[in-house]
C-alpha atoms as a PDB file:
ATOM      1  CA  MET A   1     -23.104  32.229  93.343  1.00  0.00           C
ATOM      2  CA  PRO A   2     -20.641  34.060  91.431  1.00  0.00           C
ATOM      3  CA  LYS A   3     -18.309  36.729  93.685  1.00  0.00           C
ATOM      4  CA  ARG A   4     -18.593  40.260  93.308  1.00  0.00           C
ATOM      5  CA  PRO A   5     -15.916  42.363  92.134  1.00  0.00           C
ATOM      6  CA  ALA A   6     -14.503  44.973  94.413  1.00  0.00           C
ATOM      7  CA  GLU A   7     -15.516  47.489  92.681  1.00  0.00           C
ATOM      8  CA  TYR A   8     -19.284  46.471  92.846  1.00  0.00           C
ATOM      9  CA  PHE A   9     -19.170  47.441  96.504  1.00  0.00           C
ATOM     10  CA  PRO A  10     -22.756  49.283  97.917  1.00  0.00           C
ATOM     11  CA  HIS A  11     -22.551  53.366  97.616  1.00  0.00           C
ATOM     12  CA  ASP A  12     -25.537  53.442 100.167  1.00  0.00           C
ATOM     13  CA  PRO A  13     -24.250  53.740 103.412  1.00  0.00           C
ATOM     14  CA  ASP A  14     -27.181  52.018 104.978  1.00  0.00           C
ATOM     15  CA  ALA A  15     -26.618  48.713 102.304  1.00  0.00           C
ATOM     16  CA  PHE A  16     -25.988  45.762 103.969  1.00  0.00           C
ATOM     17  CA  VAL A  17     -22.553  43.486 103.242  1.00  0.00           C
ATOM     18  CA  ARG A  18     -21.533  40.364 104.141  1.00  0.00           C
ATOM     19  CA  ALA A  19     -17.962  39.523 105.450  1.00  0.00           C
ATOM     20  CA  SER A  20     -16.700  38.373 101.871  1.00  0.00           C
ATOM     21  CA  ASP A  21     -17.989  41.927 100.566  1.00  0.00           C
ATOM     22  CA  CYS A  22     -15.897  43.619 103.513  1.00  0.00           C
ATOM     23  CA  ALA A  23     -12.560  41.609 102.956  1.00  0.00           C
ATOM     24  CA  ARG A  24     -12.525  41.763  99.303  1.00  0.00           C
ATOM     25  CA  PHE A  25     -13.436  45.849  99.724  1.00  0.00           C
ATOM     26  CA  LEU A  26     -10.295  46.595 102.191  1.00  0.00           C
ATOM     27  CA  SER A  27      -8.190  43.934 100.138  1.00  0.00           C
ATOM     28  CA  ILE A  28      -7.917  41.614 102.672  1.00  0.00           C
ATOM     29  CA  GLY A  29      -8.556  37.903 103.641  1.00  0.00           C
ATOM     30  CA  LEU A  30     -11.603  36.446 105.046  1.00  0.00           C
ATOM     31  CA  SER A  31      -9.477  35.148 108.168  1.00  0.00           C
ATOM     32  CA  THR A  32      -8.226  38.377 108.417  1.00  0.00           C
ATOM     33  CA  TRP A  33     -11.658  40.180 108.594  1.00  0.00           C
ATOM     34  CA  TRP A  34     -12.766  37.542 111.196  1.00  0.00           C
ATOM     35  CA  GLY A  35      -9.637  38.178 113.042  1.00  0.00           C
ATOM     36  CA  TRP A  36     -10.510  42.100 113.231  1.00  0.00           C
ATOM     37  CA  VAL A  37     -13.543  41.334 114.755  1.00  0.00           C
ATOM     38  CA  GLN A  38     -12.166  38.897 117.382  1.00  0.00           C
ATOM     39  CA  GLN A  39      -9.408  41.432 118.285  1.00  0.00           C
ATOM     40  CA  GLY A  40     -12.567  43.974 118.480  1.00  0.00           C
ATOM     41  CA  LYS A  41     -10.684  46.037 115.692  1.00  0.00           C
ATOM     42  CA  VAL A  42     -14.135  45.762 113.845  1.00  0.00           C
ATOM     43  CA  GLU A  43     -17.282  46.181 115.105  1.00  0.00           C
ATOM     44  CA  ARG A  44     -19.399  42.570 116.046  1.00  0.00           C
ATOM     45  CA  PRO A  45     -21.842  42.230 113.103  1.00  0.00           C
ATOM     46  CA  LYS A  46     -25.625  42.401 112.963  1.00  0.00           C
ATOM     47  CA  LYS A  47     -27.039  38.561 112.434  1.00  0.00           C
ATOM     48  CA  LEU A  48     -29.665  38.427 110.125  1.00  0.00           C
ATOM     49  CA  GLY A  49     -30.093  34.522 110.576  1.00  0.00           C
ATOM     50  CA  PRO A  50     -27.832  31.895 112.527  1.00  0.00           C
ATOM     51  CA  LYS A  51     -25.385  31.594 109.318  1.00  0.00           C
ATOM     52  CA  THR A  52     -25.980  35.257 107.747  1.00  0.00           C
ATOM     53  CA  SER A  53     -23.832  38.544 109.430  1.00  0.00           C
ATOM     54  CA  VAL A  54     -23.728  41.716 107.704  1.00  0.00           C
ATOM     55  CA  TRP A  55     -22.315  45.509 107.760  1.00  0.00           C
ATOM     56  CA  LYS A  56     -23.544  48.297 107.303  1.00  0.00           C
ATOM     57  CA  ALA A  57     -21.770  49.913 103.396  1.00  0.00           C
ATOM     58  CA  GLY A  58     -20.628  52.971 105.290  1.00  0.00           C
ATOM     59  CA  TYR A  59     -19.000  51.648 108.214  1.00  0.00           C
ATOM     60  CA  VAL A  60     -16.709  49.651 106.629  1.00  0.00           C
ATOM     61  CA  ARG A  61     -15.979  52.786 103.844  1.00  0.00           C
ATOM     62  CA  SER A  62     -15.495  54.789 107.223  1.00  0.00           C
ATOM     63  CA  LEU A  63     -12.972  51.876 108.708  1.00  0.00           C
ATOM     64  CA  GLN A  64     -11.355  52.161 105.347  1.00  0.00           C
ATOM     65  CA  ASP A  65     -10.670  56.034 105.822  1.00  0.00           C
ATOM     66  CA  SER A  66      -9.901  55.056 109.140  1.00  0.00           C
ATOM     67  CA  LEU A  67      -6.673  52.200 108.098  1.00  0.00           C
ATOM     68  CA  LEU A  68      -5.224  54.611 105.312  1.00  0.00           C
ATOM     69  CA  THR A  69      -5.112  57.685 107.808  1.00  0.00           C
ATOM     70  CA  ASP A  70      -3.177  55.156 110.453  1.00  0.00           C
ATOM     71  CA  ALA A  71      -1.114  54.049 107.695  1.00  0.00           C
ATOM     72  CA  CYS A  72      -0.043  57.534 106.668  1.00  0.00           C
END
């Protein structure tokens, strides 16, 4: 499956996004994303299947806003 560019992040806040999409959107590594999940910095994913973890796009966008606010 080809990678989608970061600009393709869904605008629908209820859309589901995978971990790789979240990491790409936040410009971090996939291992950093999963590390944040383990540390509790990011909420646990919703499991759609044994190998499918997703988050809502609105949550990831709000996380980006809070990370930007914390950095300033």
